[in-house]
Structure formats: structure tokens, C-alpha cells
Amino acid sequence: MSLQTTNPVCPPTSALEGAIASGWKPVCHITYTRDTWVKLLQLPSEYAFDEAKLLCQESPDSWNAWIPDCGEVVLQRSHFYC
């Protein structure tokens, strides 16, 4: 039995390609500049903005960031997407 897509936009895929795609997890590669903004997955308060400006990288998985109407925070990669 072959796994095929029925979506007219996507070409048919093999069973192996379908299995690989189902387990695919996107990786966020941040190209940092002094104007890098990221979208927050959870807001620190109901009045805070839904984006944060990355200030500097603290560790491989965390960043010092500034959120308007909230202040400076430390964000883990799991707290935002880019």
C-alpha cells in the first residue's frame, strides 16, 4: 500500500516521504539583528504586546528580550516563534 496525497496543490508522495513529513518538526533559525522581533506564543499579561524585541542571546536556548508594556524578560525558544 502506498501513501499518496490527494491535495491537488501538492504532488503525490511516497510512503517514506509521507512518514518523514508526518514527523517533521520545524526549527526556528534566528538571524539576529538589532531589529529582530518575534511573535510570542503566550502573553506575559493581558496588556502586553504579542511581540518581543530580542536584545541579546543569553544561552543557546534563551534570549533577553523587551516586550512593550511589560519590560525586559528572558525568553526560552519555546516561548516564541519567528
N, C-alpha and C. Protein backbone atom coordinates (compact mmCIF):
# COMPACT_ATOMS: atom_id res chain seq x y z
N MET A 1 0.85 -1.18 0.00
CA MET A 1 0.00 0.00 0.00
C MET A 1 0.89 1.24 0.00
N SER A 2 0.63 2.15 -0.86
CA SER A 2 1.42 3.37 -0.97
C SER A 2 0.64 4.54 -0.40
N LEU A 3 1.32 5.37 0.35
CA LEU A 3 0.70 6.57 0.91
C LEU A 3 0.77 7.68 -0.12
N GLN A 4 -0.35 8.17 -0.56
CA GLN A 4 -0.41 9.21 -1.58
C GLN A 4 -1.21 10.39 -1.05
N THR A 5 -0.84 11.58 -1.44
CA THR A 5 -1.61 12.76 -1.06
C THR A 5 -2.72 12.96 -2.07
N THR A 6 -3.83 13.52 -1.61
CA THR A 6 -4.94 13.81 -2.51
C THR A 6 -5.09 15.31 -2.72
N ASN A 7 -4.22 16.08 -2.15
CA ASN A 7 -4.25 17.52 -2.29
C ASN A 7 -3.80 17.89 -3.70
N PRO A 8 -4.63 18.60 -4.51
CA PRO A 8 -4.23 18.92 -5.87
C PRO A 8 -3.05 19.88 -5.95
N VAL A 9 -2.76 20.61 -4.87
CA VAL A 9 -1.65 21.56 -4.89
C VAL A 9 -0.33 20.85 -4.71
N CYS A 10 -0.31 19.76 -3.92
CA CYS A 10 0.91 19.02 -3.63
C CYS A 10 1.01 17.80 -4.54
N PRO A 11 2.18 17.52 -5.07
CA PRO A 11 2.34 16.32 -5.89
C PRO A 11 2.26 15.07 -5.00
N PRO A 12 1.91 13.91 -5.57
CA PRO A 12 1.86 12.67 -4.78
C PRO A 12 3.22 12.37 -4.15
N THR A 13 3.18 11.79 -2.96
CA THR A 13 4.41 11.45 -2.26
C THR A 13 4.46 9.96 -1.99
N SER A 14 5.65 9.45 -1.82
CA SER A 14 5.81 8.04 -1.50
C SER A 14 5.50 7.82 -0.03
N ALA A 15 5.37 6.56 0.36
CA ALA A 15 5.10 6.22 1.76
C ALA A 15 6.23 6.72 2.66
N LEU A 16 7.46 6.61 2.22
CA LEU A 16 8.60 7.07 3.01
C LEU A 16 8.57 8.58 3.19
N GLU A 17 8.32 9.33 2.12
CA GLU A 17 8.24 10.79 2.22
C GLU A 17 7.10 11.20 3.14
N GLY A 18 5.96 10.51 3.06
CA GLY A 18 4.83 10.82 3.94
C GLY A 18 5.16 10.56 5.39
N ALA A 19 5.88 9.48 5.68
CA ALA A 19 6.25 9.16 7.05
C ALA A 19 7.23 10.19 7.60
N ILE A 20 8.16 10.62 6.77
CA ILE A 20 9.13 11.63 7.19
C ILE A 20 8.41 12.95 7.45
N ALA A 21 7.52 13.34 6.56
CA ALA A 21 6.80 14.61 6.70
C ALA A 21 5.92 14.61 7.94
N SER A 22 5.32 13.49 8.30
CA SER A 22 4.44 13.45 9.47
C SER A 22 5.22 13.66 10.76
N GLY A 23 6.51 13.33 10.78
CA GLY A 23 7.32 13.51 11.98
C GLY A 23 8.17 14.75 11.96
N TRP A 24 7.99 15.57 10.92
CA TRP A 24 8.81 16.77 10.75
C TRP A 24 8.47 17.82 11.79
N LYS A 25 9.48 18.39 12.42
CA LYS A 25 9.32 19.46 13.39
C LYS A 25 10.10 20.66 12.88
N PRO A 26 9.43 21.80 12.65
CA PRO A 26 10.15 22.97 12.15
C PRO A 26 11.15 23.49 13.18
N VAL A 27 12.25 23.99 12.71
CA VAL A 27 13.28 24.54 13.57
C VAL A 27 13.38 26.03 13.30
N CYS A 28 13.39 26.79 14.35
CA CYS A 28 13.47 28.24 14.21
C CYS A 28 14.94 28.64 14.18
N HIS A 29 15.40 29.11 13.05
CA HIS A 29 16.76 29.61 12.92
C HIS A 29 16.68 31.13 12.95
N ILE A 30 17.19 31.72 14.00
CA ILE A 30 17.09 33.16 14.17
C ILE A 30 18.30 33.83 13.54
N THR A 31 18.02 34.72 12.63
CA THR A 31 19.06 35.58 12.09
C THR A 31 18.94 36.88 12.85
N TYR A 32 19.76 37.03 13.86
CA TYR A 32 19.64 38.15 14.78
C TYR A 32 20.19 39.44 14.18
N THR A 33 19.40 40.50 14.28
CA THR A 33 19.85 41.85 14.01
C THR A 33 19.35 42.70 15.17
N ARG A 34 19.72 43.93 15.23
CA ARG A 34 19.27 44.76 16.34
C ARG A 34 17.79 45.09 16.25
N ASP A 35 17.15 44.72 15.14
CA ASP A 35 15.72 44.97 14.95
C ASP A 35 14.91 43.68 14.86
N THR A 36 15.39 42.59 15.46
CA THR A 36 14.68 41.32 15.38
C THR A 36 13.52 41.27 16.36
N TRP A 37 12.33 41.09 15.81
CA TRP A 37 11.11 40.92 16.62
C TRP A 37 10.59 39.52 16.40
N VAL A 38 10.07 38.90 17.47
CA VAL A 38 9.49 37.56 17.40
C VAL A 38 8.06 37.60 17.93
N LYS A 39 7.25 36.68 17.48
CA LYS A 39 5.86 36.56 17.91
C LYS A 39 5.80 35.66 19.14
N LEU A 40 5.14 36.14 20.21
CA LEU A 40 5.04 35.37 21.45
C LEU A 40 3.92 34.35 21.36
N LEU A 41 4.16 33.16 21.90
CA LEU A 41 3.13 32.13 21.94
C LEU A 41 2.16 32.36 23.10
N GLN A 42 2.65 32.94 24.21
CA GLN A 42 1.82 33.29 25.36
C GLN A 42 2.19 34.68 25.81
N LEU A 43 1.19 35.48 26.13
CA LEU A 43 1.45 36.84 26.60
C LEU A 43 1.74 36.83 28.09
N PRO A 44 2.71 37.61 28.56
CA PRO A 44 3.03 37.67 29.99
C PRO A 44 1.90 38.33 30.79
N SER A 45 1.12 39.19 30.15
CA SER A 45 -0.06 39.79 30.78
C SER A 45 -1.06 40.13 29.68
N GLU A 46 -2.28 40.37 30.06
CA GLU A 46 -3.29 40.66 29.05
C GLU A 46 -3.07 42.00 28.35
N TYR A 47 -2.25 42.86 28.94
CA TYR A 47 -1.99 44.18 28.36
C TYR A 47 -0.69 44.25 27.57
N ALA A 48 0.10 43.19 27.60
CA ALA A 48 1.39 43.18 26.90
C ALA A 48 1.20 42.96 25.41
N PHE A 49 2.15 43.43 24.63
CA PHE A 49 2.14 43.21 23.19
C PHE A 49 2.34 41.72 22.90
N ASP A 50 2.00 41.31 21.70
CA ASP A 50 2.17 39.90 21.32
C ASP A 50 3.50 39.64 20.62
N GLU A 51 4.38 40.66 20.61
CA GLU A 51 5.71 40.50 20.03
C GLU A 51 6.76 40.99 21.02
N ALA A 52 7.97 40.46 20.86
CA ALA A 52 9.09 40.87 21.71
C ALA A 52 10.29 41.18 20.83
N LYS A 53 11.07 42.15 21.26
CA LYS A 53 12.31 42.50 20.55
C LYS A 53 13.46 41.79 21.23
N LEU A 54 14.21 41.01 20.46
CA LEU A 54 15.36 40.29 21.01
C LEU A 54 16.50 41.27 21.24
N LEU A 55 17.02 41.28 22.46
CA LEU A 55 18.12 42.19 22.80
C LEU A 55 19.47 41.51 22.66
N CYS A 56 19.62 40.33 23.28
CA CYS A 56 20.85 39.57 23.16
C CYS A 56 20.59 38.13 23.58
N GLN A 57 21.41 37.24 23.06
CA GLN A 57 21.27 35.82 23.38
C GLN A 57 21.97 35.53 24.69
N GLU A 58 21.22 34.91 25.62
CA GLU A 58 21.77 34.58 26.94
C GLU A 58 22.41 33.20 26.95
N SER A 59 21.81 32.25 26.26
CA SER A 59 22.33 30.89 26.16
C SER A 59 21.85 30.33 24.81
N PRO A 60 22.23 29.12 24.46
CA PRO A 60 21.78 28.58 23.16
C PRO A 60 20.25 28.52 23.02
N ASP A 61 19.53 28.44 24.14
CA ASP A 61 18.08 28.33 24.07
C ASP A 61 17.32 29.48 24.71
N SER A 62 18.00 30.55 25.13
CA SER A 62 17.28 31.66 25.75
C SER A 62 17.82 33.01 25.29
N TRP A 63 16.91 33.99 25.32
CA TRP A 63 17.23 35.35 24.87
C TRP A 63 16.72 36.36 25.87
N ASN A 64 17.49 37.43 26.06
CA ASN A 64 16.97 38.60 26.77
C ASN A 64 16.16 39.36 25.74
N ALA A 65 14.95 39.76 26.13
CA ALA A 65 14.06 40.43 25.19
C ALA A 65 13.32 41.55 25.89
N TRP A 66 12.76 42.44 25.09
CA TRP A 66 11.95 43.53 25.61
C TRP A 66 10.56 43.43 25.00
N ILE A 67 9.54 43.44 25.87
CA ILE A 67 8.15 43.38 25.43
C ILE A 67 7.50 44.72 25.77
N PRO A 68 6.97 45.44 24.78
CA PRO A 68 6.31 46.71 25.07
C PRO A 68 5.19 46.53 26.10
N ASP A 69 5.07 47.47 27.00
CA ASP A 69 4.08 47.45 28.09
C ASP A 69 4.30 46.32 29.08
N CYS A 70 5.51 45.73 29.06
CA CYS A 70 5.83 44.67 30.02
C CYS A 70 7.24 44.87 30.58
N GLY A 71 8.20 45.12 29.70
CA GLY A 71 9.58 45.32 30.13
C GLY A 71 10.50 44.24 29.63
N GLU A 72 11.66 44.14 30.28
CA GLU A 72 12.67 43.18 29.88
C GLU A 72 12.39 41.82 30.51
N VAL A 73 12.52 40.77 29.70
CA VAL A 73 12.26 39.40 30.15
C VAL A 73 13.30 38.47 29.54
N VAL A 74 13.38 37.27 30.07
CA VAL A 74 14.19 36.21 29.46
C VAL A 74 13.21 35.23 28.82
N LEU A 75 13.39 35.00 27.53
CA LEU A 75 12.52 34.10 26.79
C LEU A 75 13.26 32.83 26.39
N GLN A 76 12.63 31.71 26.58
CA GLN A 76 13.14 30.45 26.05
C GLN A 76 12.65 30.34 24.60
N ARG A 77 13.32 29.56 23.77
CA ARG A 77 12.89 29.40 22.39
C ARG A 77 11.46 28.88 22.31
N SER A 78 11.04 28.13 23.30
CA SER A 78 9.68 27.58 23.28
C SER A 78 8.62 28.64 23.57
N HIS A 79 9.01 29.85 23.96
CA HIS A 79 8.07 30.93 24.26
C HIS A 79 7.69 31.74 23.02
N PHE A 80 8.39 31.56 21.92
CA PHE A 80 8.12 32.37 20.74
C PHE A 80 8.38 31.59 19.47
N TYR A 81 7.87 32.13 18.38
CA TYR A 81 8.24 31.63 17.08
C TYR A 81 8.63 32.82 16.21
N CYS A 82 9.47 32.53 15.21
CA CYS A 82 9.97 33.63 14.40
C CYS A 82 9.50 33.53 12.98
